[in-house]
Amino acid sequence: MGVNAVAILQTRAFSNLKYSAAFNRVFAICAVLQGASALHIDATTYTTNAVGASMSLEANQLKQFDYKTLGVTEAPTYWTTGMAEASAVSVYALKALR
C-alpha cells in the first residue's frame, strides 16, 4: 500500500501571522507539492467550507471533528493542535476519491 493522493486543507486566514511563520507554512506546502509532483501523485487542495459542510460543521469548526469517526476511543496525540483538521480533510479526500 502506498500513497496515491495528497490532500491539502486551505486553512482559514491568520490576521496576525508573522512573516517567518508564513514562510515556514508556505515552504512546507511547496515541499509537499514538489514531492507529490516528483512521485506523480495527485495533490488537491480543499477549502474549509467544503470539508466542514460535508461534516455538518461550520468552516471554522473543523477542530470539533469527532475523533470517534475514525474508530478510536481516545483523542489521538496532537488532536487539538491540528490533527483534528488534518483528519477531517483526510476523511473528506477519501470520500472524494471514491
N, C-alpha and C. Protein backbone atom coordinates (compact mmCIF):
# COMPACT_ATOMS: atom_id res chain seq x y z
N MET A 1 0.84 -1.17 0.00
CA MET A 1 0.00 0.00 0.00
C MET A 1 0.89 1.24 0.00
N GLY A 2 0.60 2.16 -0.88
CA GLY A 2 1.39 3.38 -0.95
C GLY A 2 0.50 4.61 -1.01
N VAL A 3 1.13 5.71 -1.13
CA VAL A 3 0.40 6.98 -1.22
C VAL A 3 -0.06 7.17 -2.66
N ASN A 4 -1.35 7.46 -2.84
CA ASN A 4 -1.84 7.70 -4.20
C ASN A 4 -2.50 9.06 -4.35
N ALA A 5 -2.53 9.86 -3.27
CA ALA A 5 -3.08 11.20 -3.34
C ALA A 5 -2.61 12.02 -2.15
N VAL A 6 -2.55 13.32 -2.34
CA VAL A 6 -2.20 14.25 -1.26
C VAL A 6 -3.33 15.25 -1.15
N ALA A 7 -3.82 15.45 0.08
CA ALA A 7 -4.89 16.42 0.34
C ALA A 7 -4.33 17.55 1.18
N ILE A 8 -4.54 18.77 0.73
CA ILE A 8 -4.07 19.95 1.45
C ILE A 8 -5.28 20.80 1.81
N LEU A 9 -5.40 21.13 3.08
CA LEU A 9 -6.51 21.94 3.55
C LEU A 9 -6.12 23.41 3.47
N GLN A 10 -6.94 24.18 2.78
CA GLN A 10 -6.72 25.63 2.71
C GLN A 10 -7.21 26.22 4.02
N THR A 11 -6.28 26.50 4.92
CA THR A 11 -6.65 26.96 6.25
C THR A 11 -7.22 28.37 6.24
N ARG A 12 -7.91 28.68 7.30
CA ARG A 12 -8.52 29.99 7.46
C ARG A 12 -7.43 31.05 7.58
N ALA A 13 -7.77 32.27 7.29
CA ALA A 13 -6.81 33.39 7.33
C ALA A 13 -6.32 33.65 8.76
N PHE A 14 -5.07 34.01 8.86
CA PHE A 14 -4.47 34.40 10.13
C PHE A 14 -4.14 35.88 10.05
N SER A 15 -4.81 36.69 10.84
CA SER A 15 -4.60 38.13 10.74
C SER A 15 -3.28 38.57 11.35
N ASN A 16 -2.76 37.82 12.29
CA ASN A 16 -1.52 38.22 12.97
C ASN A 16 -0.35 37.29 12.66
N LEU A 17 -0.40 36.59 11.55
CA LEU A 17 0.66 35.65 11.21
C LEU A 17 1.93 36.42 10.85
N LYS A 18 3.01 36.11 11.54
CA LYS A 18 4.28 36.79 11.26
C LYS A 18 4.89 36.24 9.98
N TYR A 19 5.70 37.04 9.34
CA TYR A 19 6.32 36.65 8.08
C TYR A 19 7.08 35.34 8.22
N SER A 20 7.84 35.18 9.30
CA SER A 20 8.63 33.96 9.47
C SER A 20 7.73 32.73 9.57
N ALA A 21 6.59 32.85 10.24
CA ALA A 21 5.66 31.74 10.34
C ALA A 21 5.01 31.46 8.98
N ALA A 22 4.67 32.52 8.26
CA ALA A 22 4.08 32.34 6.93
C ALA A 22 5.08 31.68 6.00
N PHE A 23 6.32 32.08 6.06
CA PHE A 23 7.36 31.49 5.23
C PHE A 23 7.45 29.99 5.49
N ASN A 24 7.47 29.60 6.75
CA ASN A 24 7.57 28.18 7.10
C ASN A 24 6.37 27.39 6.57
N ARG A 25 5.17 27.95 6.67
CA ARG A 25 3.97 27.26 6.18
C ARG A 25 4.03 27.10 4.67
N VAL A 26 4.38 28.17 3.97
CA VAL A 26 4.46 28.13 2.50
C VAL A 26 5.56 27.18 2.06
N PHE A 27 6.69 27.21 2.74
CA PHE A 27 7.80 26.32 2.41
C PHE A 27 7.38 24.86 2.57
N ALA A 28 6.69 24.54 3.65
CA ALA A 28 6.24 23.16 3.89
C ALA A 28 5.25 22.72 2.81
N ILE A 29 4.32 23.58 2.46
CA ILE A 29 3.34 23.24 1.42
C ILE A 29 4.03 23.03 0.08
N CYS A 30 4.98 23.88 -0.24
CA CYS A 30 5.72 23.73 -1.51
C CYS A 30 6.50 22.42 -1.53
N ALA A 31 7.08 22.04 -0.40
CA ALA A 31 7.82 20.78 -0.33
C ALA A 31 6.89 19.59 -0.56
N VAL A 32 5.71 19.64 0.02
CA VAL A 32 4.73 18.56 -0.18
C VAL A 32 4.31 18.50 -1.64
N LEU A 33 4.02 19.65 -2.23
CA LEU A 33 3.60 19.68 -3.63
C LEU A 33 4.71 19.20 -4.56
N GLN A 34 5.95 19.59 -4.28
CA GLN A 34 7.08 19.15 -5.10
C GLN A 34 7.28 17.65 -4.99
N GLY A 35 7.17 17.12 -3.77
CA GLY A 35 7.29 15.68 -3.57
C GLY A 35 6.20 14.92 -4.30
N ALA A 36 4.97 15.42 -4.22
CA ALA A 36 3.86 14.76 -4.92
C ALA A 36 4.09 14.79 -6.42
N SER A 37 4.55 15.91 -6.91
CA SER A 37 4.81 16.03 -8.35
C SER A 37 5.92 15.07 -8.79
N ALA A 38 6.98 14.99 -8.02
CA ALA A 38 8.09 14.11 -8.36
C ALA A 38 7.67 12.64 -8.37
N LEU A 39 6.71 12.30 -7.53
CA LEU A 39 6.23 10.92 -7.45
C LEU A 39 5.01 10.66 -8.32
N HIS A 40 4.61 11.68 -9.08
CA HIS A 40 3.44 11.59 -9.96
C HIS A 40 2.17 11.24 -9.18
N ILE A 41 2.01 11.92 -8.05
CA ILE A 41 0.84 11.72 -7.19
C ILE A 41 -0.02 12.98 -7.28
N ASP A 42 -1.31 12.79 -7.42
CA ASP A 42 -2.22 13.93 -7.46
C ASP A 42 -2.24 14.64 -6.12
N ALA A 43 -2.16 15.96 -6.15
CA ALA A 43 -2.28 16.79 -4.95
C ALA A 43 -3.45 17.73 -5.18
N THR A 44 -4.36 17.77 -4.22
CA THR A 44 -5.56 18.58 -4.35
C THR A 44 -5.73 19.42 -3.09
N THR A 45 -6.16 20.65 -3.27
CA THR A 45 -6.46 21.49 -2.12
C THR A 45 -7.97 21.51 -1.92
N TYR A 46 -8.35 21.55 -0.66
CA TYR A 46 -9.75 21.58 -0.28
C TYR A 46 -9.99 22.77 0.64
N THR A 47 -11.14 23.40 0.51
CA THR A 47 -11.47 24.53 1.37
C THR A 47 -12.09 24.05 2.68
N THR A 48 -11.94 24.86 3.70
CA THR A 48 -12.57 24.53 4.98
C THR A 48 -14.09 24.55 4.84
N ASN A 49 -14.61 25.37 3.92
CA ASN A 49 -16.06 25.40 3.69
C ASN A 49 -16.57 24.06 3.19
N ALA A 50 -15.91 23.49 2.20
CA ALA A 50 -16.35 22.21 1.62
C ALA A 50 -16.20 21.08 2.63
N VAL A 51 -15.08 21.03 3.32
CA VAL A 51 -14.85 19.97 4.30
C VAL A 51 -15.86 20.08 5.44
N GLY A 52 -16.03 21.28 5.97
CA GLY A 52 -16.97 21.49 7.06
C GLY A 52 -18.39 21.14 6.68
N ALA A 53 -18.82 21.57 5.51
CA ALA A 53 -20.19 21.29 5.06
C ALA A 53 -20.45 19.80 4.94
N SER A 54 -19.45 19.05 4.51
CA SER A 54 -19.64 17.60 4.36
C SER A 54 -19.79 16.90 5.70
N MET A 55 -19.39 17.59 6.78
CA MET A 55 -19.45 17.00 8.12
C MET A 55 -20.42 17.74 9.03
N SER A 56 -21.28 18.55 8.42
CA SER A 56 -22.26 19.34 9.16
C SER A 56 -21.59 20.25 10.19
N LEU A 57 -20.46 20.82 9.82
CA LEU A 57 -19.75 21.77 10.67
C LEU A 57 -19.56 23.07 9.91
N GLU A 58 -19.46 24.15 10.64
CA GLU A 58 -19.09 25.42 10.01
C GLU A 58 -17.62 25.34 9.61
N ALA A 59 -17.22 26.15 8.66
CA ALA A 59 -15.84 26.11 8.17
C ALA A 59 -14.82 26.35 9.28
N ASN A 60 -15.17 27.17 10.25
CA ASN A 60 -14.22 27.47 11.32
C ASN A 60 -14.36 26.51 12.51
N GLN A 61 -15.08 25.41 12.34
CA GLN A 61 -15.30 24.46 13.43
C GLN A 61 -14.66 23.09 13.18
N LEU A 62 -13.72 23.01 12.26
CA LEU A 62 -13.10 21.71 11.97
C LEU A 62 -12.36 21.12 13.17
N LYS A 63 -11.98 21.97 14.13
CA LYS A 63 -11.34 21.45 15.34
C LYS A 63 -12.30 20.58 16.13
N GLN A 64 -13.58 20.68 15.84
CA GLN A 64 -14.58 19.90 16.55
C GLN A 64 -14.87 18.56 15.88
N PHE A 65 -14.13 18.24 14.82
CA PHE A 65 -14.29 16.94 14.16
C PHE A 65 -14.12 15.84 15.19
N ASP A 66 -15.07 14.92 15.25
CA ASP A 66 -15.09 13.89 16.29
C ASP A 66 -14.13 12.74 15.94
N TYR A 67 -13.13 12.55 16.78
CA TYR A 67 -12.15 11.50 16.54
C TYR A 67 -12.77 10.11 16.54
N LYS A 68 -13.93 9.95 17.17
CA LYS A 68 -14.59 8.65 17.19
C LYS A 68 -15.03 8.22 15.78
N THR A 69 -15.15 9.18 14.88
CA THR A 69 -15.46 8.89 13.48
C THR A 69 -14.39 7.99 12.87
N LEU A 70 -13.17 8.10 13.40
CA LEU A 70 -12.05 7.32 12.89
C LEU A 70 -11.95 5.94 13.54
N GLY A 71 -12.86 5.65 14.48
CA GLY A 71 -12.86 4.35 15.12
C GLY A 71 -11.94 4.24 16.32
N VAL A 72 -11.49 5.37 16.87
CA VAL A 72 -10.64 5.34 18.06
C VAL A 72 -11.45 5.80 19.27
N THR A 73 -11.05 5.35 20.44
CA THR A 73 -11.82 5.66 21.64
C THR A 73 -11.24 6.83 22.43
N GLU A 74 -10.00 7.19 22.17
CA GLU A 74 -9.36 8.33 22.84
C GLU A 74 -8.85 9.30 21.79
N ALA A 75 -8.82 10.56 22.17
CA ALA A 75 -8.28 11.58 21.25
C ALA A 75 -6.81 11.27 20.97
N PRO A 76 -6.43 11.17 19.70
CA PRO A 76 -5.03 10.91 19.35
C PRO A 76 -4.12 12.06 19.80
N THR A 77 -2.84 11.76 19.94
CA THR A 77 -1.86 12.78 20.26
C THR A 77 -1.93 13.90 19.24
N TYR A 78 -1.82 15.10 19.68
CA TYR A 78 -1.84 16.32 18.85
C TYR A 78 -3.22 16.61 18.26
N TRP A 79 -4.28 15.97 18.77
CA TRP A 79 -5.62 16.18 18.22
C TRP A 79 -6.01 17.65 18.26
N THR A 80 -5.66 18.35 19.33
CA THR A 80 -6.06 19.74 19.49
C THR A 80 -5.09 20.73 18.86
N THR A 81 -4.02 20.25 18.26
CA THR A 81 -3.05 21.16 17.64
C THR A 81 -2.93 20.91 16.14
N GLY A 82 -4.04 20.59 15.52
CA GLY A 82 -4.05 20.44 14.07
C GLY A 82 -4.44 19.07 13.56
N MET A 83 -4.34 18.07 14.40
CA MET A 83 -4.66 16.71 13.96
C MET A 83 -6.14 16.57 13.62
N ALA A 84 -7.01 17.26 14.33
CA ALA A 84 -8.45 17.17 14.04
C ALA A 84 -8.73 17.67 12.63
N GLU A 85 -8.17 18.84 12.28
CA GLU A 85 -8.39 19.39 10.95
C GLU A 85 -7.78 18.50 9.87
N ALA A 86 -6.58 17.97 10.14
CA ALA A 86 -5.92 17.09 9.18
C ALA A 86 -6.74 15.82 8.96
N SER A 87 -7.30 15.29 10.03
CA SER A 87 -8.12 14.09 9.91
C SER A 87 -9.41 14.37 9.16
N ALA A 88 -10.00 15.54 9.42
CA ALA A 88 -11.24 15.91 8.73
C ALA A 88 -11.01 15.99 7.22
N VAL A 89 -9.94 16.64 6.80
CA VAL A 89 -9.69 16.75 5.35
C VAL A 89 -9.32 15.39 4.77
N SER A 90 -8.68 14.52 5.55
CA SER A 90 -8.36 13.18 5.06
C SER A 90 -9.62 12.37 4.78
N VAL A 91 -10.56 12.42 5.71
CA VAL A 91 -11.82 11.71 5.52
C VAL A 91 -12.55 12.27 4.30
N TYR A 92 -12.57 13.59 4.17
CA TYR A 92 -13.22 14.25 3.03
C TYR A 92 -12.54 13.83 1.72
N ALA A 93 -11.22 13.83 1.69
CA ALA A 93 -10.49 13.46 0.47
C ALA A 93 -10.72 12.01 0.10
N LEU A 94 -10.75 11.13 1.08
CA LEU A 94 -11.01 9.72 0.79
C LEU A 94 -12.39 9.53 0.19
N LYS A 95 -13.37 10.26 0.67
CA LYS A 95 -14.72 10.19 0.09
C LYS A 95 -14.70 10.72 -1.34
N ALA A 96 -13.93 11.79 -1.58
CA ALA A 96 -13.87 12.39 -2.92
C ALA A 96 -13.20 11.46 -3.91
N LEU A 97 -12.26 10.64 -3.45
CA LEU A 97 -11.53 9.73 -4.34
C LEU A 97 -12.34 8.52 -4.77
N ARG A 98 -13.39 8.22 -4.04
CA ARG A 98 -14.20 7.04 -4.37
C ARG A 98 -14.97 7.21 -5.61
